[in-house]
Amino acid sequence: MTSFFNAFSFVYTGLPGPLTIINTYSSDYPSSFWGVLIGTIIAIVLPIVLVQIFGYGDDVDEETIDAPLTTAENR
């Protein structure tokens, strides 16, 4: 998303994240700040929405949960 706004960072930003957004602010390139801000918001919100829609991890059947356990003693 940030590439659509032709974003620039004017200092070494280290690891990308919400705290490094201020490093993209410049009066010469005002769209840079907005591009990084929108990209960061999408990077935070989109995974949350996708996990809520598709779920996370392996699905467990209810039959598996209710099935009796078999041990070596019961055989």
N, C-alpha and C. Protein backbone atom coordinates (compact mmCIF):
# COMPACT_ATOMS: atom_id res chain seq x y z
N MET A 1 0.81 -1.18 0.00
CA MET A 1 0.00 0.00 0.00
C MET A 1 0.87 1.25 0.00
N THR A 2 1.97 1.20 0.72
CA THR A 2 2.81 2.39 0.79
C THR A 2 3.46 2.73 -0.54
N SER A 3 3.66 1.76 -1.40
CA SER A 3 4.28 2.04 -2.69
C SER A 3 3.36 2.85 -3.59
N PHE A 4 2.05 2.78 -3.39
CA PHE A 4 1.12 3.60 -4.18
C PHE A 4 1.31 5.09 -3.90
N PHE A 5 1.80 5.41 -2.70
CA PHE A 5 1.98 6.80 -2.31
C PHE A 5 3.42 7.27 -2.48
N ASN A 6 4.29 6.40 -3.01
CA ASN A 6 5.69 6.73 -3.22
C ASN A 6 6.32 7.22 -1.91
N ALA A 7 6.25 6.38 -0.89
CA ALA A 7 6.68 6.75 0.46
C ALA A 7 8.20 6.78 0.59
N PHE A 8 8.69 7.74 1.36
CA PHE A 8 10.10 7.88 1.67
C PHE A 8 10.27 7.91 3.18
N SER A 9 11.39 7.34 3.66
CA SER A 9 11.78 7.49 5.05
C SER A 9 13.02 8.37 5.08
N PHE A 10 13.05 9.31 5.98
CA PHE A 10 14.12 10.29 5.98
C PHE A 10 15.16 10.05 7.06
N VAL A 11 14.98 9.04 7.88
CA VAL A 11 15.98 8.60 8.84
C VAL A 11 15.93 7.08 8.86
N TYR A 12 16.93 6.46 9.47
CA TYR A 12 16.91 5.00 9.59
C TYR A 12 15.76 4.61 10.51
N THR A 13 14.86 3.79 10.01
CA THR A 13 13.65 3.48 10.76
C THR A 13 13.77 2.21 11.58
N GLY A 14 14.79 1.40 11.38
CA GLY A 14 14.89 0.16 12.13
C GLY A 14 13.81 -0.80 11.70
N LEU A 15 13.19 -1.43 12.65
CA LEU A 15 12.10 -2.35 12.34
C LEU A 15 10.85 -1.56 11.99
N PRO A 16 10.17 -1.92 10.92
CA PRO A 16 8.96 -1.18 10.57
C PRO A 16 7.85 -1.41 11.59
N GLY A 17 7.07 -0.40 11.79
CA GLY A 17 5.98 -0.51 12.74
C GLY A 17 5.33 0.83 12.98
N PRO A 18 4.33 0.84 13.83
CA PRO A 18 3.59 2.08 14.07
C PRO A 18 4.44 3.22 14.63
N LEU A 19 5.48 2.92 15.38
CA LEU A 19 6.29 3.98 15.99
C LEU A 19 7.21 4.66 14.99
N THR A 20 7.44 4.05 13.84
CA THR A 20 8.33 4.65 12.85
C THR A 20 7.60 5.47 11.81
N ILE A 21 6.29 5.65 11.96
CA ILE A 21 5.52 6.43 10.99
C ILE A 21 6.00 7.87 10.95
N ILE A 22 6.38 8.42 12.09
CA ILE A 22 6.78 9.83 12.15
C ILE A 22 8.04 10.09 11.32
N ASN A 23 8.84 9.06 11.06
CA ASN A 23 10.06 9.23 10.28
C ASN A 23 9.79 9.48 8.80
N THR A 24 8.57 9.34 8.37
CA THR A 24 8.23 9.55 6.97
C THR A 24 7.64 10.93 6.71
N TYR A 25 7.51 11.73 7.75
CA TYR A 25 6.89 13.05 7.60
C TYR A 25 7.88 14.04 6.98
N SER A 26 7.46 14.71 5.92
CA SER A 26 8.25 15.77 5.30
C SER A 26 7.30 16.69 4.55
N SER A 27 7.57 17.98 4.60
CA SER A 27 6.71 18.91 3.87
C SER A 27 6.92 18.80 2.36
N ASP A 28 8.06 18.26 1.95
CA ASP A 28 8.31 18.06 0.51
C ASP A 28 7.53 16.88 -0.06
N TYR A 29 7.28 15.87 0.76
CA TYR A 29 6.57 14.67 0.33
C TYR A 29 5.41 14.37 1.30
N PRO A 30 4.33 15.12 1.26
CA PRO A 30 3.24 14.91 2.23
C PRO A 30 2.52 13.58 2.05
N SER A 31 2.50 13.05 0.84
CA SER A 31 1.79 11.78 0.63
C SER A 31 2.55 10.61 1.24
N SER A 32 3.83 10.79 1.51
CA SER A 32 4.63 9.73 2.11
C SER A 32 4.09 9.34 3.48
N PHE A 33 3.79 10.33 4.30
CA PHE A 33 3.25 10.07 5.65
C PHE A 33 1.92 9.35 5.56
N TRP A 34 1.03 9.81 4.70
CA TRP A 34 -0.29 9.20 4.59
C TRP A 34 -0.20 7.79 4.03
N GLY A 35 0.71 7.55 3.12
CA GLY A 35 0.87 6.20 2.57
C GLY A 35 1.33 5.20 3.61
N VAL A 36 2.30 5.62 4.42
CA VAL A 36 2.78 4.73 5.48
C VAL A 36 1.72 4.55 6.56
N LEU A 37 0.99 5.60 6.88
CA LEU A 37 -0.07 5.50 7.88
C LEU A 37 -1.17 4.53 7.42
N ILE A 38 -1.61 4.68 6.20
CA ILE A 38 -2.65 3.78 5.67
C ILE A 38 -2.13 2.35 5.56
N GLY A 39 -0.89 2.19 5.11
CA GLY A 39 -0.31 0.86 5.02
C GLY A 39 -0.17 0.18 6.37
N THR A 40 0.19 0.94 7.39
CA THR A 40 0.31 0.39 8.74
C THR A 40 -1.06 -0.01 9.30
N ILE A 41 -2.05 0.81 9.07
CA ILE A 41 -3.40 0.47 9.53
C ILE A 41 -3.91 -0.80 8.85
N ILE A 42 -3.67 -0.92 7.55
CA ILE A 42 -4.08 -2.13 6.84
C ILE A 42 -3.33 -3.35 7.36
N ALA A 43 -2.03 -3.19 7.62
CA ALA A 43 -1.22 -4.31 8.12
C ALA A 43 -1.65 -4.76 9.50
N ILE A 44 -2.26 -3.89 10.28
CA ILE A 44 -2.72 -4.27 11.62
C ILE A 44 -4.14 -4.82 11.56
N VAL A 45 -5.03 -4.19 10.81
CA VAL A 45 -6.44 -4.56 10.82
C VAL A 45 -6.73 -5.79 9.95
N LEU A 46 -6.10 -5.90 8.79
CA LEU A 46 -6.40 -7.00 7.87
C LEU A 46 -6.16 -8.39 8.48
N PRO A 47 -5.05 -8.66 9.14
CA PRO A 47 -4.90 -9.98 9.76
C PRO A 47 -5.94 -10.28 10.83
N ILE A 48 -6.33 -9.26 11.59
CA ILE A 48 -7.35 -9.47 12.62
C ILE A 48 -8.68 -9.87 11.97
N VAL A 49 -9.06 -9.18 10.91
CA VAL A 49 -10.30 -9.49 10.21
C VAL A 49 -10.24 -10.88 9.57
N LEU A 50 -9.11 -11.21 8.95
CA LEU A 50 -8.99 -12.53 8.30
C LEU A 50 -9.03 -13.67 9.30
N VAL A 51 -8.42 -13.48 10.47
CA VAL A 51 -8.48 -14.52 11.50
C VAL A 51 -9.91 -14.69 12.01
N GLN A 52 -10.64 -13.59 12.14
CA GLN A 52 -12.03 -13.69 12.59
C GLN A 52 -12.90 -14.39 11.55
N ILE A 53 -12.61 -14.20 10.27
CA ILE A 53 -13.41 -14.82 9.22
C ILE A 53 -13.04 -16.29 9.04
N PHE A 54 -11.75 -16.58 8.90
CA PHE A 54 -11.31 -17.94 8.57
C PHE A 54 -10.89 -18.76 9.77
N GLY A 55 -10.67 -18.17 10.90
CA GLY A 55 -10.26 -18.90 12.09
C GLY A 55 -8.74 -19.05 12.14
N TYR A 56 -8.28 -19.59 13.24
CA TYR A 56 -6.85 -19.77 13.44
C TYR A 56 -6.59 -21.17 13.97
N GLY A 57 -5.62 -21.86 13.43
CA GLY A 57 -5.24 -23.16 13.92
C GLY A 57 -6.08 -24.28 13.35
N ASP A 58 -5.89 -25.45 13.91
CA ASP A 58 -6.60 -26.64 13.45
C ASP A 58 -7.99 -26.71 14.07
N ASP A 59 -8.94 -27.10 13.27
CA ASP A 59 -10.29 -27.33 13.79
C ASP A 59 -10.35 -28.71 14.42
N VAL A 60 -11.05 -28.82 15.53
CA VAL A 60 -11.17 -30.09 16.23
C VAL A 60 -12.62 -30.52 16.15
N ASP A 61 -12.84 -31.78 15.75
CA ASP A 61 -14.20 -32.31 15.68
C ASP A 61 -14.73 -32.56 17.09
N GLU A 62 -16.03 -32.37 17.27
CA GLU A 62 -16.64 -32.64 18.58
C GLU A 62 -16.60 -34.13 18.88
N GLU A 63 -16.66 -34.97 17.85
CA GLU A 63 -16.60 -36.42 18.08
C GLU A 63 -15.26 -36.81 18.68
N THR A 64 -14.20 -36.16 18.28
CA THR A 64 -12.88 -36.46 18.81
C THR A 64 -12.80 -36.08 20.28
N ILE A 65 -13.42 -34.99 20.65
CA ILE A 65 -13.39 -34.54 22.04
C ILE A 65 -14.18 -35.49 22.93
N ASP A 66 -15.35 -35.96 22.45
CA ASP A 66 -16.22 -36.82 23.25
C ASP A 66 -15.82 -38.29 23.23
N ALA A 67 -14.92 -38.69 22.37
CA ALA A 67 -14.56 -40.10 22.26
C ALA A 67 -13.80 -40.54 23.52
N PRO A 68 -14.09 -41.77 23.98
CA PRO A 68 -13.39 -42.28 25.17
C PRO A 68 -11.92 -42.52 24.86
N LEU A 69 -11.11 -42.31 25.85
CA LEU A 69 -9.68 -42.53 25.67
C LEU A 69 -9.37 -44.01 25.82
N THR A 70 -8.50 -44.52 25.00
CA THR A 70 -8.06 -45.91 25.12
C THR A 70 -6.61 -45.89 25.59
N THR A 71 -6.36 -46.66 26.63
CA THR A 71 -5.01 -46.76 27.17
C THR A 71 -4.55 -48.19 27.10
N ALA A 72 -3.32 -48.40 27.39
CA ALA A 72 -2.76 -49.76 27.35
C ALA A 72 -3.42 -50.64 28.41
N GLU A 73 -3.88 -50.07 29.53
CA GLU A 73 -4.52 -50.85 30.58
C GLU A 73 -5.91 -51.35 30.16
N ASN A 74 -6.62 -50.60 29.31
CA ASN A 74 -7.96 -50.97 28.90
C ASN A 74 -7.97 -52.01 27.79
N ARG A 75 -6.87 -52.33 27.23
CA ARG A 75 -6.83 -53.29 26.11
C ARG A 75 -6.83 -54.68 26.56
